[in-house]
Amino acid sequence: MHNEAVAKGDRRLDLETLRKYVDVYDIAVNANPKDTRAAFAKAKKINPDVDFDAVAKSFREKLSQYDAIQDGSLVAPEPSESEAADTVKERNST
């Protein structure tokens, strides 16, 4: 679902999917860690590439970055003087 949302450019659906995955992951791991970890191990035997923990970590990072951008605590870095000068040159040359 995450990959589909990204491919479609549907940011809202992508963020919703990330949040739901993290919520369900947290609930499963916290409510029944032994059985959840056993299920993760079974899934890994079937598909060695699957890593639910890594996916949760990655999704958390993406959500943190998105939330930081939304609340203003993460902003784009100021352009260096040379980048700013290049931008001015480009504007003046058009």
Protein backbone atom coordinates (compact mmCIF):
# COMPACT_ATOMS: atom_id res chain seq x y z
CA MET A 1 0.00 0.00 0.00
CA HIS A 2 2.86 2.35 0.86
CA ASN A 3 4.57 1.70 -2.48
CA GLU A 4 1.30 2.17 -4.38
CA ALA A 5 0.59 5.47 -2.65
CA VAL A 6 4.09 6.73 -3.42
CA ALA A 7 3.79 5.62 -7.05
CA LYS A 8 0.47 7.46 -7.37
CA GLY A 9 1.86 10.53 -5.61
CA ASP A 10 -0.88 10.27 -2.99
CA ARG A 11 0.87 11.76 0.06
CA ARG A 12 -2.24 11.60 2.26
CA LEU A 13 -2.73 7.88 1.63
CA ASP A 14 0.97 7.24 2.11
CA LEU A 15 1.07 9.01 5.48
CA GLU A 16 -2.12 7.25 6.56
CA THR A 17 -0.59 3.89 5.64
CA LEU A 18 2.65 4.66 7.51
CA ARG A 19 0.76 5.71 10.63
CA LYS A 20 -1.52 2.65 10.56
CA TYR A 21 1.42 0.28 10.15
CA VAL A 22 3.29 1.85 13.07
CA ASP A 23 0.15 1.83 15.25
CA VAL A 24 -0.65 -1.83 14.53
CA TYR A 25 3.00 -2.82 14.94
CA ASP A 26 3.16 -1.08 18.35
CA ILE A 27 -0.09 -2.63 19.52
CA ALA A 28 0.95 -6.14 18.45
CA VAL A 29 4.44 -5.93 19.94
CA ASN A 30 3.27 -4.37 23.19
CA ALA A 31 0.12 -6.45 23.71
CA ASN A 32 1.62 -9.83 22.93
CA PRO A 33 5.37 -9.59 22.33
CA LYS A 34 6.11 -13.32 22.52
CA ASP A 35 3.53 -14.39 19.93
CA THR A 36 4.18 -11.37 17.72
CA ARG A 37 7.92 -12.06 17.63
CA ALA A 38 7.18 -15.74 16.90
CA ALA A 39 4.95 -14.68 13.98
CA PHE A 40 7.71 -12.36 12.71
CA ALA A 41 10.16 -15.28 12.82
CA LYS A 42 7.75 -17.51 10.85
CA ALA A 43 7.26 -14.80 8.24
CA LYS A 44 11.04 -14.40 7.94
CA LYS A 45 11.39 -18.16 7.26
CA ILE A 46 8.94 -17.81 4.39
CA ASN A 47 10.46 -14.58 3.10
CA PRO A 48 13.94 -13.83 4.45
CA ASP A 49 13.76 -10.27 3.15
CA VAL A 50 10.84 -9.33 5.40
CA ASP A 51 11.87 -7.27 8.44
CA PHE A 52 8.91 -5.84 10.33
CA ASP A 53 11.17 -4.05 12.82
CA ALA A 54 13.15 -2.30 10.09
CA VAL A 55 9.96 -1.26 8.30
CA ALA A 56 8.54 0.18 11.52
CA LYS A 57 11.79 2.07 12.16
CA SER A 58 11.87 3.44 8.62
CA PHE A 59 8.22 4.50 8.75
CA ARG A 60 8.74 6.18 12.13
CA GLU A 61 11.64 8.18 10.71
CA LYS A 62 9.57 9.29 7.71
CA LEU A 63 6.68 10.28 9.97
CA SER A 64 9.00 12.20 12.30
CA GLN A 65 10.47 14.10 9.37
CA TYR A 66 7.03 14.88 7.98
CA ASP A 67 5.73 16.00 11.38
CA ALA A 68 8.80 18.17 11.91
CA ILE A 69 8.26 19.85 8.56
CA GLN A 70 4.59 20.44 9.38
CA ASP A 71 5.27 22.00 12.79
CA GLY A 72 8.16 24.10 11.49
CA SER A 73 10.89 22.49 13.60
CA LEU A 74 12.54 21.07 10.49
CA VAL A 75 13.14 23.58 7.73
CA ALA A 76 15.19 23.54 4.59
CA PRO A 77 18.72 24.79 5.14
CA GLU A 78 19.53 28.31 4.07
CA PRO A 79 21.32 28.39 0.70
CA SER A 80 25.03 29.11 0.86
CA GLU A 81 26.25 32.43 -0.54
CA SER A 82 27.42 30.76 -3.77
CA GLU A 83 24.05 29.03 -4.22
CA ALA A 84 22.23 32.30 -3.60
CA ALA A 85 24.49 34.08 -6.10
CA ASP A 86 23.87 31.37 -8.71
CA THR A 87 20.12 31.76 -8.23
CA VAL A 88 20.35 35.52 -8.71
CA LYS A 89 22.48 35.05 -11.87
CA GLU A 90 19.94 32.57 -13.27
CA ARG A 91 17.05 34.95 -12.64
CA ASN A 92 18.87 37.90 -14.19
CA SER A 93 19.91 35.94 -17.27
CA THR A 94 16.37 34.90 -18.22
